[in-house]
């Protein structure tokens, strides 16, 4: 797909070689996350043509990343990926309103999707230690953020672990890596433009605020910052549509994820 001479038919023939992935692509292509307001597609070729190269790439990442990691014994990985997918969709939905760089628009979905990948990295690299950390400590009662507790216990948090892992093993944009590292950033001051990292951080807070959380949460409250709608250049009604669309799309995504 990164080859400038790549054509839609090349992508179609490559995806067609994996029937399971093809079926999942068609399912999600018709979901609210990717197919809102469009006619239902019943075959892979139509889905690839309708979605275009970038959304197909986003879809493949969303479908294939969960299988990269061993299923956790400590938490529900499907709920984890639903949260990640929600942050990805919210980030992409708002990107063109607040980001000026075309490259940032292109990678907004992936940056949101991978923001918490460090949690899975820790769970896979040090599974016994992370399992004990998650299950023996009463995390849900702590008023400290998860990353703070991780830092105190392991000398590294999931943001850092995710950025290190992605930079080492995956050939993707440094900005996606930066979003994983900085997804707890605060919003810019008034009249300052928002960058991709801050948008992912805000989308993460919005998802959590609307109950679309990953399964490892403490009692620490980190709501969207005051005036965030103005920074995002959206009304509450517009954001409500994005949230409703996200929740509808996650119903189809959960079916796919739990079928893995």
Protein backbone atom coordinates (compact mmCIF):
# COMPACT_ATOMS: atom_id res chain seq x y z
CA UNK A 1 0.00 0.00 0.00
CA UNK A 2 2.96 2.35 0.54
CA UNK A 3 4.07 1.76 -3.05
CA UNK A 4 2.91 4.75 -5.16
CA UNK A 5 2.21 2.34 -8.03
CA UNK A 6 -0.09 0.20 -5.88
CA UNK A 7 -3.64 -0.05 -7.21
CA UNK A 8 -6.90 -1.03 -5.55
CA UNK A 9 -6.93 -4.32 -7.45
CA UNK A 10 -3.52 -5.22 -5.99
CA UNK A 11 -4.90 -4.70 -2.48
CA UNK A 12 -8.03 -6.67 -3.28
CA UNK A 13 -6.10 -9.70 -4.57
CA UNK A 14 -3.79 -9.67 -1.54
CA UNK A 15 -6.66 -9.52 0.95
CA UNK A 16 -8.64 -12.12 -0.99
CA UNK A 17 -5.91 -14.67 -0.22
CA UNK A 18 -7.04 -14.63 3.44
CA UNK A 19 -10.76 -15.62 3.51
CA UNK A 20 -11.14 -15.09 7.27
CA UNK A 21 -9.69 -11.58 7.15
CA UNK A 22 -11.80 -10.83 4.06
CA UNK A 23 -15.01 -11.75 5.88
CA UNK A 24 -14.11 -9.59 8.85
CA UNK A 25 -13.27 -6.66 6.61
CA UNK A 26 -16.71 -6.87 4.99
CA UNK A 27 -18.36 -7.02 8.44
CA UNK A 28 -16.56 -3.95 9.77
CA UNK A 29 -16.79 -2.10 6.46
CA UNK A 30 -20.57 -2.19 6.93
CA UNK A 31 -20.39 -1.07 10.56
CA UNK A 32 -21.03 2.48 11.74
CA UNK A 33 -17.28 2.96 12.22
CA UNK A 34 -16.48 2.61 8.53
CA UNK A 35 -19.72 2.46 6.55
CA UNK A 36 -21.99 5.04 8.12
CA UNK A 37 -24.40 6.45 5.56
CA UNK A 38 -23.17 4.21 2.77
CA UNK A 39 -24.84 1.33 0.96
CA UNK A 40 -24.25 -2.13 2.38
CA UNK A 41 -21.46 -4.01 0.61
CA UNK A 42 -21.57 -7.79 0.31
CA UNK A 43 -18.21 -8.54 -1.27
CA UNK A 44 -14.59 -7.70 -0.63
CA UNK A 45 -13.91 -5.90 -3.91
CA UNK A 46 -16.73 -3.41 -3.35
CA UNK A 47 -15.57 -2.86 0.24
CA UNK A 48 -12.00 -2.09 -0.86
CA UNK A 49 -13.13 0.29 -3.62
CA UNK A 50 -15.62 2.07 -1.37
CA UNK A 51 -13.31 2.46 1.61
CA UNK A 52 -10.17 3.48 -0.25
CA UNK A 53 -6.57 2.61 0.56
CA UNK A 54 -6.20 4.43 3.88
CA UNK A 55 -9.37 3.11 5.50
CA UNK A 56 -8.57 -0.41 4.32
CA UNK A 57 -5.17 -0.10 5.98
CA UNK A 58 -6.83 1.18 9.17
CA UNK A 59 -9.26 -1.73 9.07
CA UNK A 60 -6.53 -4.33 8.63
CA UNK A 61 -4.62 -2.90 11.62
CA UNK A 62 -7.81 -2.95 13.71
CA UNK A 63 -8.48 -6.59 12.80
CA UNK A 64 -4.95 -7.98 12.90
CA UNK A 65 -3.38 -6.20 15.89
CA UNK A 66 -5.38 -8.15 18.50
CA UNK A 67 -3.89 -11.41 17.21
CA UNK A 68 -0.36 -10.07 17.65
CA UNK A 69 -0.52 -10.47 21.42
CA UNK A 70 -1.17 -13.47 23.64
CA UNK A 71 -4.59 -13.25 25.30
CA UNK A 72 -4.29 -11.87 28.80
CA UNK A 73 -5.16 -13.83 31.93
CA UNK A 74 -5.57 -10.60 33.88
CA UNK A 75 -8.15 -8.65 31.87
CA UNK A 76 -10.67 -8.87 29.03
CA UNK A 77 -8.69 -8.16 25.89
CA UNK A 78 -11.83 -7.63 23.80
CA UNK A 79 -12.85 -4.76 26.06
CA UNK A 80 -9.32 -3.39 25.70
CA UNK A 81 -9.56 -3.38 21.90
CA UNK A 82 -13.06 -1.91 21.94
CA UNK A 83 -11.69 1.05 23.88
CA UNK A 84 -8.73 1.35 21.51
CA UNK A 85 -11.02 1.24 18.49
CA UNK A 86 -13.28 3.88 20.04
CA UNK A 87 -10.33 6.23 20.61
CA UNK A 88 -9.19 5.57 17.03
CA UNK A 89 -12.59 6.43 15.57
CA UNK A 90 -13.05 9.55 17.70
CA UNK A 91 -9.54 10.74 16.80
CA UNK A 92 -10.16 10.21 13.09
CA UNK A 93 -13.60 11.86 13.26
CA UNK A 94 -12.17 15.03 14.79
CA UNK A 95 -8.81 15.15 13.00
CA UNK A 96 -9.84 17.28 10.02
CA UNK A 97 -11.43 19.84 12.32
CA UNK A 98 -8.36 20.49 14.46
CA UNK A 99 -5.24 19.21 12.67
CA UNK A 100 -3.68 21.12 9.79
CA UNK A 101 -1.22 18.48 8.56
CA UNK A 102 -2.53 16.03 5.93
CA UNK A 103 -0.17 13.31 7.22
CA UNK A 104 -1.77 13.66 10.66
CA UNK A 105 -5.22 13.09 9.13
CA UNK A 106 -3.92 9.95 7.43
CA UNK A 107 -2.46 8.42 10.61
CA UNK A 108 -5.04 9.71 13.11
CA UNK A 109 -6.93 6.40 13.27
CA UNK A 110 -3.79 4.31 13.79
CA UNK A 111 -2.45 6.73 16.42
CA UNK A 112 -5.68 6.34 18.39
CA UNK A 113 -5.79 2.58 17.89
CA UNK A 114 -2.29 2.05 19.27
CA UNK A 115 -2.28 4.58 22.11
CA UNK A 116 -2.53 1.97 24.89
CA UNK A 117 -0.57 -0.82 23.20
CA UNK A 118 2.04 -0.64 25.97
CA UNK A 119 -0.42 -2.31 28.34
CA UNK A 120 -0.34 -5.39 26.12
CA UNK A 121 3.43 -5.13 25.78
CA UNK A 122 3.90 -5.26 29.57
CA UNK A 123 1.33 -8.05 29.84
CA UNK A 124 3.22 -10.10 27.23
CA UNK A 125 6.85 -9.29 28.12
CA UNK A 126 6.51 -9.70 31.90
CA UNK A 127 3.25 -11.68 32.13
CA UNK A 128 3.61 -13.07 35.67
CA UNK A 129 4.79 -9.78 37.16
CA UNK A 130 2.10 -7.76 35.39
CA UNK A 131 -0.59 -10.29 36.31
CA UNK A 132 0.35 -9.95 39.99
CA UNK A 133 0.47 -6.17 39.67
CA UNK A 134 -3.03 -6.07 38.20
CA UNK A 135 -4.65 -8.69 40.43
CA UNK A 136 -2.96 -8.33 43.83
CA UNK A 137 -3.16 -4.57 44.05
CA UNK A 138 -6.60 -3.00 44.45
CA UNK A 139 -6.18 -0.81 41.39
CA UNK A 140 -9.84 0.19 41.18
CA UNK A 141 -9.62 1.86 44.61
CA UNK A 142 -6.44 3.82 43.90
CA UNK A 143 -6.69 7.54 43.21
CA UNK A 144 -3.43 7.36 41.23
CA UNK A 145 -3.47 6.99 37.43
CA UNK A 146 -2.44 3.59 36.08
CA UNK A 147 0.73 4.96 34.50
CA UNK A 148 1.83 6.37 37.85
CA UNK A 149 1.37 3.03 39.61
CA UNK A 150 3.23 1.24 36.80
CA UNK A 151 6.11 3.70 37.01
CA UNK A 152 6.43 3.27 40.77
CA UNK A 153 6.32 -0.54 40.51
CA UNK A 154 8.26 -1.29 37.29
CA UNK A 155 10.26 1.96 36.73
CA UNK A 156 8.48 2.20 33.36
CA UNK A 157 4.86 2.84 32.40
CA UNK A 158 2.74 1.54 29.53
CA UNK A 159 3.20 4.73 27.50
CA UNK A 160 6.97 4.29 27.44
CA UNK A 161 6.78 0.51 26.95
CA UNK A 162 4.43 0.91 24.00
CA UNK A 163 6.60 3.53 22.28
CA UNK A 164 9.78 1.47 22.72
CA UNK A 165 8.14 -1.69 21.41
CA UNK A 166 6.49 -0.10 18.39
CA UNK A 167 9.66 1.77 17.39
CA UNK A 168 11.69 -1.45 17.57
CA UNK A 169 9.34 -3.84 15.78
CA UNK A 170 6.95 -1.93 13.51
CA UNK A 171 7.83 0.30 10.56
CA UNK A 172 5.24 3.01 11.12
CA UNK A 173 5.27 6.78 11.50
CA UNK A 174 7.18 8.32 14.40
CA UNK A 175 4.04 10.34 15.08
CA UNK A 176 2.11 7.15 15.89
CA UNK A 177 4.89 6.22 18.29
CA UNK A 178 4.72 9.71 19.77
CA UNK A 179 0.97 9.35 20.31
CA UNK A 180 1.56 6.15 22.29
CA UNK A 181 4.18 7.93 24.39
CA UNK A 182 2.24 11.14 24.97
CA UNK A 183 -1.41 10.08 25.10
CA UNK A 184 -1.85 11.56 28.57
CA UNK A 185 -0.89 15.07 27.42
CA UNK A 186 -3.02 18.08 28.32
CA UNK A 187 -4.78 20.29 25.80
CA UNK A 188 -3.03 23.36 24.42
CA UNK A 189 -3.59 26.75 25.97
CA UNK A 190 -6.26 29.01 24.51
CA UNK A 191 -5.71 30.10 20.89
CA UNK A 192 -2.98 27.49 20.37
CA UNK A 193 -3.48 24.78 17.75
CA UNK A 194 -3.85 21.18 18.89
CA UNK A 195 -1.34 18.54 17.77
CA UNK A 196 -1.97 14.84 17.07
CA UNK A 197 -0.78 13.74 20.52
CA UNK A 198 -3.14 16.12 22.28
CA UNK A 199 -6.02 15.03 20.06
CA UNK A 200 -5.42 11.35 20.90
CA UNK A 201 -5.22 12.26 24.59
CA UNK A 202 -8.51 14.18 24.34
CA UNK A 203 -10.20 11.36 22.40
CA UNK A 204 -9.05 8.96 25.12
CA UNK A 205 -10.59 11.16 27.82
CA UNK A 206 -13.82 11.51 25.82
CA UNK A 207 -14.12 7.71 25.37
CA UNK A 208 -13.52 7.12 29.09
CA UNK A 209 -15.96 9.90 30.03
CA UNK A 210 -18.68 8.16 27.99
CA UNK A 211 -18.09 4.75 29.55
CA UNK A 212 -15.98 3.27 26.72
CA UNK A 213 -13.06 2.35 28.95
CA UNK A 214 -10.40 -0.31 28.84
CA UNK A 215 -10.66 -2.95 31.58
CA UNK A 216 -7.77 -1.66 33.72
CA UNK A 217 -9.02 1.49 35.39
CA UNK A 218 -8.19 3.10 38.71
CA UNK A 219 -10.38 5.54 40.64
CA UNK A 220 -8.33 8.41 39.23
CA UNK A 221 -10.61 10.78 37.34
CA UNK A 222 -9.29 12.39 34.18
CA UNK A 223 -12.27 13.97 32.40
CA UNK A 224 -12.00 16.09 29.25
CA UNK A 225 -10.59 19.48 30.16
CA UNK A 226 -12.75 22.56 30.54
CA UNK A 227 -13.42 24.20 27.19
CA UNK A 228 -12.46 21.10 25.21
CA UNK A 229 -15.38 21.45 22.78
CA UNK A 230 -14.10 24.86 21.74
CA UNK A 231 -10.61 23.49 21.19
CA UNK A 232 -12.09 20.72 19.05
CA UNK A 233 -14.27 23.16 17.07
CA UNK A 234 -17.37 21.00 17.62
CA UNK A 235 -20.71 21.48 19.33
CA UNK A 236 -22.02 19.10 21.97
CA UNK A 237 -24.58 17.84 19.46
CA UNK A 238 -21.85 17.05 16.91
CA UNK A 239 -19.81 15.22 19.52
CA UNK A 240 -22.89 13.27 20.64
CA UNK A 241 -23.29 12.00 17.07
CA UNK A 242 -19.66 10.83 17.05
CA UNK A 243 -20.15 9.04 20.39
CA UNK A 244 -23.40 7.38 19.30
CA UNK A 245 -21.80 6.25 16.03
CA UNK A 246 -18.83 4.88 17.98
CA UNK A 247 -21.04 2.84 20.29
CA UNK A 248 -23.05 1.42 17.39
CA UNK A 249 -19.90 0.47 15.51
CA UNK A 250 -18.42 -1.26 18.55
CA UNK A 251 -21.32 -3.74 18.54
CA UNK A 252 -20.12 -5.13 15.21
CA UNK A 253 -16.49 -4.92 16.29
CA UNK A 254 -17.16 -6.92 19.45
CA UNK A 255 -18.75 -9.69 17.41
CA UNK A 256 -15.64 -9.86 15.23
CA UNK A 257 -13.18 -9.68 18.14
CA UNK A 258 -14.94 -12.34 20.20
CA UNK A 259 -15.06 -14.59 17.15
CA UNK A 260 -11.24 -14.65 16.97
